[in-house]
PDB file of N, CA and C in Angstrom:
ATOM      1  N   MET A   1     -11.222 -18.923   0.807  1.00  0.00           N
ATOM      2  CA  MET A   1      -9.386 -18.665  -0.197  1.00  0.00           C
ATOM      3  C   MET A   1      -9.640 -16.756   0.853  1.00  0.00           C
ATOM      4  N   LYS A   2      -8.542 -17.360   1.224  1.00  0.00           N
ATOM      5  CA  LYS A   2      -8.088 -15.674   2.230  1.00  0.00           C
ATOM      6  C   LYS A   2      -7.802 -14.835   1.177  1.00  0.00           C
ATOM      7  N   ILE A   3      -8.234 -13.077   2.107  1.00  0.00           N
ATOM      8  CA  ILE A   3      -7.570 -12.065   1.119  1.00  0.00           C
ATOM      9  C   ILE A   3      -6.468 -11.691   2.021  1.00  0.00           C
ATOM     10  N   ASN A   4      -5.007 -11.418   0.940  1.00  0.00           N
ATOM     11  CA  ASN A   4      -3.392 -10.933   1.454  1.00  0.00           C
ATOM     12  C   ASN A   4      -3.877  -9.919   1.241  1.00  0.00           C
ATOM     13  N   TRP A   5      -4.573  -8.975   2.515  1.00  0.00           N
ATOM     14  CA  TRP A   5      -4.173  -7.724   2.927  1.00  0.00           C
ATOM     15  C   TRP A   5      -3.058  -7.069   2.144  1.00  0.00           C
ATOM     16  N   VAL A   6      -2.083  -7.437   2.293  1.00  0.00           N
ATOM     17  CA  VAL A   6      -0.451  -6.577   2.611  1.00  0.00           C
ATOM     18  C   VAL A   6      -0.561  -6.577   0.992  1.00  0.00           C
ATOM     19  N   GLN A   7      -1.124  -7.315   0.139  1.00  0.00           N
ATOM     20  CA  GLN A   7      -0.625  -7.473  -1.372  1.00  0.00           C
ATOM     21  C   GLN A   7      -1.863  -6.455  -1.620  1.00  0.00           C
ATOM     22  N   LYS A   8      -2.913  -6.510  -1.529  1.00  0.00           N
ATOM     23  CA  LYS A   8      -4.098  -5.413  -2.013  1.00  0.00           C
ATOM     24  C   LYS A   8      -3.289  -3.703  -1.752  1.00  0.00           C
ATOM     25  N   LEU A   9      -3.391  -4.183   0.018  1.00  0.00           N
ATOM     26  CA  LEU A   9      -2.774  -2.278  -0.019  1.00  0.00           C
ATOM     27  C   LEU A   9      -1.364  -1.750  -0.739  1.00  0.00           C
ATOM     28  N   THR A  10      -0.858  -2.943  -1.399  1.00  0.00           N
ATOM     29  CA  THR A  10       0.569  -2.157  -1.636  1.00  0.00           C
ATOM     30  C   THR A  10       0.334  -1.987  -3.643  1.00  0.00           C
ATOM     31  N   SER A  11      -0.964  -2.804  -3.899  1.00  0.00           N
ATOM     32  CA  SER A  11      -1.015  -2.698  -5.533  1.00  0.00           C
ATOM     33  C   SER A  11      -1.898  -1.079  -5.881  1.00  0.00           C
ATOM     34  N   ARG A  12      -1.688  -1.043  -7.527  1.00  0.00           N
ATOM     35  CA  ARG A  12      -1.517   0.379  -7.566  1.00  0.00           C
ATOM     36  C   ARG A  12      -3.087   0.496  -8.176  1.00  0.00           C
ATOM     37  N   LYS A  13      -3.132  -1.301  -8.470  1.00  0.00           N
ATOM     38  CA  LYS A  13      -4.399  -1.266  -9.069  1.00  0.00           C
ATOM     39  C   LYS A  13      -5.756  -1.367  -7.970  1.00  0.00           C
ATOM     40  N   PHE A  14      -5.443  -1.475  -7.013  1.00  0.00           N
ATOM     41  CA  PHE A  14      -6.553  -1.323  -5.870  1.00  0.00           C
ATOM     42  C   PHE A  14      -7.074  -0.121  -5.439  1.00  0.00           C
ATOM     43  N   TRP A  15      -5.580   1.226  -4.924  1.00  0.00           N
ATOM     44  CA  TRP A  15      -5.855   2.327  -5.034  1.00  0.00           C
ATOM     45  C   TRP A  15      -6.302   3.093  -6.452  1.00  0.00           C
ATOM     46  N   ALA A  16      -6.212   2.607  -7.540  1.00  0.00           N
ATOM     47  CA  ALA A  16      -6.968   3.243  -8.741  1.00  0.00           C
ATOM     48  C   ALA A  16      -8.446   2.805  -8.939  1.00  0.00           C
ATOM     49  N   ALA A  17      -8.561   1.708  -7.933  1.00  0.00           N
ATOM     50  CA  ALA A  17     -10.122   1.139  -8.470  1.00  0.00           C
ATOM     51  C   ALA A  17     -10.878   1.682  -7.034  1.00  0.00           C
ATOM     52  N   ILE A  18      -9.764   2.504  -5.884  1.00  0.00           N
ATOM     53  CA  ILE A  18     -10.749   2.909  -4.302  1.00  0.00           C
ATOM     54  C   ILE A  18     -10.603   4.357  -4.949  1.00  0.00           C
ATOM     55  N   VAL A  19     -10.165   5.185  -6.244  1.00  0.00           N
ATOM     56  CA  VAL A  19     -10.585   6.836  -6.577  1.00  0.00           C
ATOM     57  C   VAL A  19     -11.601   6.545  -7.745  1.00  0.00           C
ATOM     58  N   ALA A  20     -11.870   5.244  -7.975  1.00  0.00           N
ATOM     59  CA  ALA A  20     -12.758   5.096  -9.699  1.00  0.00           C
ATOM     60  C   ALA A  20     -14.264   5.149  -8.945  1.00  0.00           C
ATOM     61  N   VAL A  21     -13.841   4.460  -7.840  1.00  0.00           N
ATOM     62  CA  VAL A  21     -14.924   4.481  -6.805  1.00  0.00           C
ATOM     63  C   VAL A  21     -15.696   5.689  -6.200  1.00  0.00           C
ATOM     64  N   ILE A  22     -14.591   5.977  -5.403  1.00  0.00           N
ATOM     65  CA  ILE A  22     -14.830   7.220  -4.908  1.00  0.00           C
ATOM     66  C   ILE A  22     -15.239   8.350  -5.592  1.00  0.00           C
ATOM     67  N   THR A  23     -14.491   8.720  -6.886  1.00  0.00           N
ATOM     68  CA  THR A  23     -14.552   9.766  -8.068  1.00  0.00           C
ATOM     69  C   THR A  23     -16.086   9.599  -8.526  1.00  0.00           C
ATOM     70  N   SER A  24     -16.682   8.068  -8.669  1.00  0.00           N
ATOM     71  CA  SER A  24     -17.628   8.193  -9.005  1.00  0.00           C
ATOM     72  C   SER A  24     -19.193   8.487  -8.326  1.00  0.00           C
ATOM     73  N   ALA A  25     -18.941   8.154  -6.893  1.00  0.00           N
ATOM     74  CA  ALA A  25     -19.673   8.230  -6.393  1.00  0.00           C
ATOM     75  C   ALA A  25     -19.965   9.879  -5.897  1.00  0.00           C
ATOM     76  N   CYS A  26     -18.387  10.750  -6.312  1.00  0.00           N
ATOM     77  CA  CYS A  26     -18.602  12.700  -6.073  1.00  0.00           C
ATOM     78  C   CYS A  26     -19.199  12.560  -6.746  1.00  0.00           C
ATOM     79  N   VAL A  27     -19.179  12.089  -8.487  1.00  0.00           N
ATOM     80  CA  VAL A  27     -20.185  12.523  -9.272  1.00  0.00           C
ATOM     81  C   VAL A  27     -21.576  12.816  -9.326  1.00  0.00           C
ATOM     82  N   ILE A  28     -22.029  11.210  -8.790  1.00  0.00           N
ATOM     83  CA  ILE A  28     -23.686  11.015  -8.659  1.00  0.00           C
ATOM     84  C   ILE A  28     -23.819  12.119  -8.029  1.00  0.00           C
ATOM     85  N   PHE A  29     -23.101  12.202  -6.559  1.00  0.00           N
ATOM     86  CA  PHE A  29     -23.677  13.542  -5.987  1.00  0.00           C
ATOM     87  C   PHE A  29     -23.161  14.840  -5.814  1.00  0.00           C
ATOM     88  N   GLY A  30     -22.297  15.099  -7.103  1.00  0.00           N
ATOM     89  CA  GLY A  30     -22.956  16.402  -7.661  1.00  0.00           C
ATOM     90  C   GLY A  30     -21.417  17.534  -6.999  1.00  0.00           C
ATOM     91  N   VAL A  31     -20.429  16.829  -6.660  1.00  0.00           N
ATOM     92  CA  VAL A  31     -19.171  17.372  -5.841  1.00  0.00           C
ATOM     93  C   VAL A  31     -18.421  18.484  -6.963  1.00  0.00           C
ATOM     94  N   GLU A  32     -18.239  19.310  -6.487  1.00  0.00           N
ATOM     95  CA  GLU A  32     -17.231  19.915  -7.218  1.00  0.00           C
ATOM     96  C   GLU A  32     -15.824  19.644  -7.811  1.00  0.00           C
ATOM     97  N   ASP A  33     -15.620  19.936  -9.037  1.00  0.00           N
ATOM     98  CA  ASP A  33     -14.713  19.381  -9.779  1.00  0.00           C
ATOM     99  C   ASP A  33     -13.709  19.707  -9.149  1.00  0.00           C
ATOM    100  N   ILE A  34     -12.626  20.400  -8.506  1.00  0.00           N
ATOM    101  CA  ILE A  34     -11.585  21.689  -6.876  1.00  0.00           C
ATOM    102  C   ILE A  34     -11.911  20.095  -5.981  1.00  0.00           C
ATOM    103  N   THR A  35     -12.962  20.001  -5.424  1.00  0.00           N
ATOM    104  CA  THR A  35     -13.161  18.875  -4.552  1.00  0.00           C
ATOM    105  C   THR A  35     -13.017  17.193  -4.924  1.00  0.00           C
ATOM    106  N   MET A  36     -13.228  17.108  -6.237  1.00  0.00           N
ATOM    107  CA  MET A  36     -13.171  15.721  -6.221  1.00  0.00           C
ATOM    108  C   MET A  36     -11.455  15.494  -6.297  1.00  0.00           C
ATOM    109  N   GLU A  37     -10.639  16.564  -7.230  1.00  0.00           N
ATOM    110  CA  GLU A  37      -9.621  16.407  -7.083  1.00  0.00           C
ATOM    111  C   GLU A  37      -8.212  16.010  -6.362  1.00  0.00           C
ATOM    112  N   GLN A  38      -8.885  17.268  -5.166  1.00  0.00           N
ATOM    113  CA  GLN A  38      -8.381  17.137  -3.739  1.00  0.00           C
ATOM    114  C   GLN A  38      -8.329  15.574  -3.296  1.00  0.00           C
ATOM    115  N   VAL A  39      -9.895  15.287  -3.061  1.00  0.00           N
ATOM    116  CA  VAL A  39      -9.785  13.942  -2.258  1.00  0.00           C
ATOM    117  C   VAL A  39      -9.084  12.922  -3.203  1.00  0.00           C
ATOM    118  N   THR A  40      -9.045  12.534  -4.396  1.00  0.00           N
ATOM    119  CA  THR A  40      -8.262  11.792  -5.616  1.00  0.00           C
ATOM    120  C   THR A  40      -7.117  12.268  -5.106  1.00  0.00           C
ATOM    121  N   ALA A  41      -6.188  13.347  -4.774  1.00  0.00           N
ATOM    122  CA  ALA A  41      -5.107  13.238  -4.512  1.00  0.00           C
ATOM    123  C   ALA A  41      -4.674  12.948  -3.485  1.00  0.00           C
ATOM    124  N   LEU A  42      -5.555  13.279  -1.828  1.00  0.00           N
ATOM    125  CA  LEU A  42      -5.401  12.212  -1.044  1.00  0.00           C
ATOM    126  C   LEU A  42      -5.564  11.159  -1.135  1.00  0.00           C
ATOM    127  N   ILE A  43      -6.187  10.584  -1.641  1.00  0.00           N
ATOM    128  CA  ILE A  43      -6.721   8.579  -1.653  1.00  0.00           C
ATOM    129  C   ILE A  43      -5.133   8.370  -2.105  1.00  0.00           C
ATOM    130  N   MET A  44      -4.370   8.772  -3.227  1.00  0.00           N
ATOM    131  CA  MET A  44      -3.211   8.212  -3.362  1.00  0.00           C
ATOM    132  C   MET A  44      -1.800   8.886  -3.069  1.00  0.00           C
ATOM    133  N   ALA A  45      -2.240   9.981  -2.290  1.00  0.00           N
ATOM    134  CA  ALA A  45      -1.294   9.947  -1.182  1.00  0.00           C
ATOM    135  C   ALA A  45      -1.395   8.915  -0.326  1.00  0.00           C
ATOM    136  N   VAL A  46      -2.529   8.869   0.453  1.00  0.00           N
ATOM    137  CA  VAL A  46      -2.148   7.503   1.337  1.00  0.00           C
ATOM    138  C   VAL A  46      -1.889   6.332   0.759  1.00  0.00           C
ATOM    139  N   GLY A  47      -2.524   6.202  -0.429  1.00  0.00           N
ATOM    140  CA  GLY A  47      -2.097   4.580  -0.827  1.00  0.00           C
ATOM    141  C   GLY A  47      -0.534   4.620  -0.594  1.00  0.00           C
ATOM    142  N   ALA A  48      -0.320   5.469  -1.558  1.00  0.00           N
ATOM    143  CA  ALA A  48       0.964   5.505  -1.733  1.00  0.00           C
ATOM    144  C   ALA A  48       2.350   5.402  -0.345  1.00  0.00           C
ATOM    145  N   LEU A  49       2.018   6.084   0.824  1.00  0.00           N
ATOM    146  CA  LEU A  49       2.170   5.895   2.059  1.00  0.00           C
ATOM    147  C   LEU A  49       2.493   4.677   2.551  1.00  0.00           C
ATOM    148  N   ILE A  50       1.127   4.396   2.406  1.00  0.00           N
ATOM    149  CA  ILE A  50       0.766   2.714   3.170  1.00  0.00           C
ATOM    150  C   ILE A  50       2.339   1.306   1.911  1.00  0.00           C
ATOM    151  N   ALA A  51       1.934   1.399   0.870  1.00  0.00           N
ATOM    152  CA  ALA A  51       2.635   1.194   0.114  1.00  0.00           C
ATOM    153  C   ALA A  51       4.130   1.276   0.128  1.00  0.00           C
ATOM    154  N   TYR A  52       4.410   2.273   0.804  1.00  0.00           N
ATOM    155  CA  TYR A  52       6.087   2.928   1.068  1.00  0.00           C
ATOM    156  C   TYR A  52       6.305   1.682   2.059  1.00  0.00           C
ATOM    157  N   ILE A  53       5.339   2.013   3.468  1.00  0.00           N
ATOM    158  CA  ILE A  53       5.785   1.333   4.691  1.00  0.00           C
ATOM    159  C   ILE A  53       5.382   0.600   5.015  1.00  0.00           C
ATOM    160  N   LEU A  54       4.879  -0.516   4.334  1.00  0.00           N
ATOM    161  CA  LEU A  54       4.779  -2.214   4.030  1.00  0.00           C
ATOM    162  C   LEU A  54       5.982  -2.783   3.275  1.00  0.00           C
ATOM    163  N   GLY A  55       6.159  -1.427   1.824  1.00  0.00           N
ATOM    164  CA  GLY A  55       7.679  -2.566   1.432  1.00  0.00           C
ATOM    165  C   GLY A  55       8.398  -2.142   1.823  1.00  0.00           C
ATOM    166  N   GLU A  56       8.708  -1.453   2.856  1.00  0.00           N
ATOM    167  CA  GLU A  56      10.084  -0.959   3.644  1.00  0.00           C
ATOM    168  C   GLU A  56      10.184  -2.269   5.570  1.00  0.00           C
ATOM    169  N   GLY A  57       8.887  -2.354   5.413  1.00  0.00           N
ATOM    170  CA  GLY A  57       9.027  -3.559   6.639  1.00  0.00           C
ATOM    171  C   GLY A  57       8.987  -4.747   5.980  1.00  0.00           C
ATOM    172  N   PHE A  58       8.662  -5.218   4.686  1.00  0.00           N
ATOM    173  CA  PHE A  58       9.244  -6.194   4.065  1.00  0.00           C
ATOM    174  C   PHE A  58      11.233  -6.624   3.566  1.00  0.00           C
ATOM    175  N   VAL A  59      11.032  -5.222   2.983  1.00  0.00           N
ATOM    176  CA  VAL A  59      12.834  -4.872   3.414  1.00  0.00           C
ATOM    177  C   VAL A  59      12.998  -5.747   4.252  1.00  0.00           C
ATOM    178  N   ASP A  60      13.227  -5.194   5.648  1.00  0.00           N
ATOM    179  CA  ASP A  60      13.463  -4.997   6.986  1.00  0.00           C
ATOM    180  C   ASP A  60      13.346  -6.612   7.491  1.00  0.00           C
ATOM    181  N   ALA A  61      12.005  -6.912   7.055  1.00  0.00           N
ATOM    182  CA  ALA A  61      12.310  -8.098   7.722  1.00  0.00           C
ATOM    183  C   ALA A  61      13.124  -9.292   7.293  1.00  0.00           C
ATOM    184  N   ALA A  62      13.280  -8.844   5.505  1.00  0.00           N
ATOM    185  CA  ALA A  62      13.973  -9.905   4.597  1.00  0.00           C
ATOM    186  C   ALA A  62      15.794  -9.604   5.702  1.00  0.00           C
ATOM    187  N   ASN A  63      15.809  -8.718   5.983  1.00  0.00           N
ATOM    188  CA  ASN A  63      17.214  -8.127   6.231  1.00  0.00           C
ATOM    189  C   ASN A  63      17.525  -9.035   7.591  1.00  0.00           C
ATOM    190  N   VAL A  64      16.698  -8.837   8.271  1.00  0.00           N
ATOM    191  CA  VAL A  64      16.928  -9.376   9.447  1.00  0.00           C
ATOM    192  C   VAL A  64      16.552 -10.786   9.994  1.00  0.00           C
ATOM    193  N   LYS A  65      15.689 -11.244   8.556  1.00  0.00           N
ATOM    194  CA  LYS A  65      15.417 -12.824   8.778  1.00  0.00           C
ATOM    195  C   LYS A  65      17.319 -13.212   7.915  1.00  0.00           C
ATOM    196  N   LYS A  66      17.561 -12.694   7.399  1.00  0.00           N
ATOM    197  CA  LYS A  66      19.133 -12.789   6.162  1.00  0.00           C
ATOM    198  C   LYS A  66      19.944 -12.762   7.171  1.00  0.00           C
ATOM    199  N   SER A  67      19.933 -12.146   8.074  1.00  0.00           N
ATOM    200  CA  SER A  67      21.301 -11.802   8.838  1.00  0.00           C
ATOM    201  C   SER A  67      20.885 -13.071  10.132  1.00  0.00           C
ATOM    202  N   SER A  68      19.657 -12.957  10.493  1.00  0.00           N
ATOM    203  CA  SER A  68      19.398 -13.986  11.857  1.00  0.00           C
ATOM    204  C   SER A  68      20.476 -15.374  11.106  1.00  0.00           C
ATOM    205  N   SER A  69      20.208 -16.000  10.196  1.00  0.00           N
ATOM    206  CA  SER A  69      20.270 -17.224   9.524  1.00  0.00           C
ATOM    207  C   SER A  69      21.236 -17.101   8.749  1.00  0.00           C
ATOM    208  N   GLN A  70      22.135 -15.936   8.805  1.00  0.00           N
ATOM    209  CA  GLN A  70      23.874 -16.199   8.735  1.00  0.00           C
ATOM    210  C   GLN A  70      24.897 -15.937  10.029  1.00  0.00           C
ATOM    211  N   GLU A  71      24.046 -15.916  11.354  1.00  0.00           N
ATOM    212  CA  GLU A  71      24.505 -15.402  12.405  1.00  0.00           C
ATOM    213  C   GLU A  71      24.428 -17.250  12.864  1.00  0.00           C
ATOM    214  N   ASP A  72      23.320 -18.214  12.559  1.00  0.00           N
ATOM    215  CA  ASP A  72      22.998 -19.584  12.828  1.00  0.00           C
ATOM    216  C   ASP A  72      23.967 -20.446  11.628  1.00  0.00           C
ATOM    217  N   GLU A  73      24.244 -19.857  10.660  1.00  0.00           N
ATOM    218  CA  GLU A  73      25.250 -20.899  10.053  1.00  0.00           C
ATOM    219  C   GLU A  73      26.816 -20.672  10.875  1.00  0.00           C
ATOM    220  N   SER A  74      27.754 -19.137  11.081  1.00  0.00           N
ATOM    221  CA  SER A  74      28.389 -18.785  11.710  1.00  0.00           C
ATOM    222  C   SER A  74      28.264 -19.206  12.871  1.00  0.00           C
ATOM    223  N   LYS A  75      27.339 -19.950  13.825  1.00  0.00           N
ATOM    224  CA  LYS A  75      27.492 -20.253  15.193  1.00  0.00           C
ATOM    225  C   LYS A  75      28.014 -22.002  15.213  1.00  0.00           C
ATOM    226  N   LYS A  76      27.942 -22.696  13.850  1.00  0.00           N
ATOM    227  CA  LYS A  76      27.598 -23.732  13.266  1.00  0.00           C
ATOM    228  C   LYS A  76      29.061 -24.201  12.920  1.00  0.00           C
ATOM    229  N   GLU A  77      29.600 -23.540  12.636  1.00  0.00           N
ATOM    230  CA  GLU A  77      30.718 -23.484  12.086  1.00  0.00           C
ATOM    231  C   GLU A  77      32.403 -23.389  13.210  1.00  0.00           C
TER     232      GLU A  77
END
């Protein structure tokens, strides 16, 4: 079974799971609350950035594909 990493990296559930694991590890190791909050905020910010970049990449790729297919059709006419 092949994992679709692009879909995983844009998933809010994936990033929530990452935060849950890291937060749990911080609790186990006795990290201060403020540090856990900062780590959680950083992970969510990075997750949002990755999701935005990949989402924009999909939109741009779809627009390029659409415009190239329209150009191909206009050349046939």
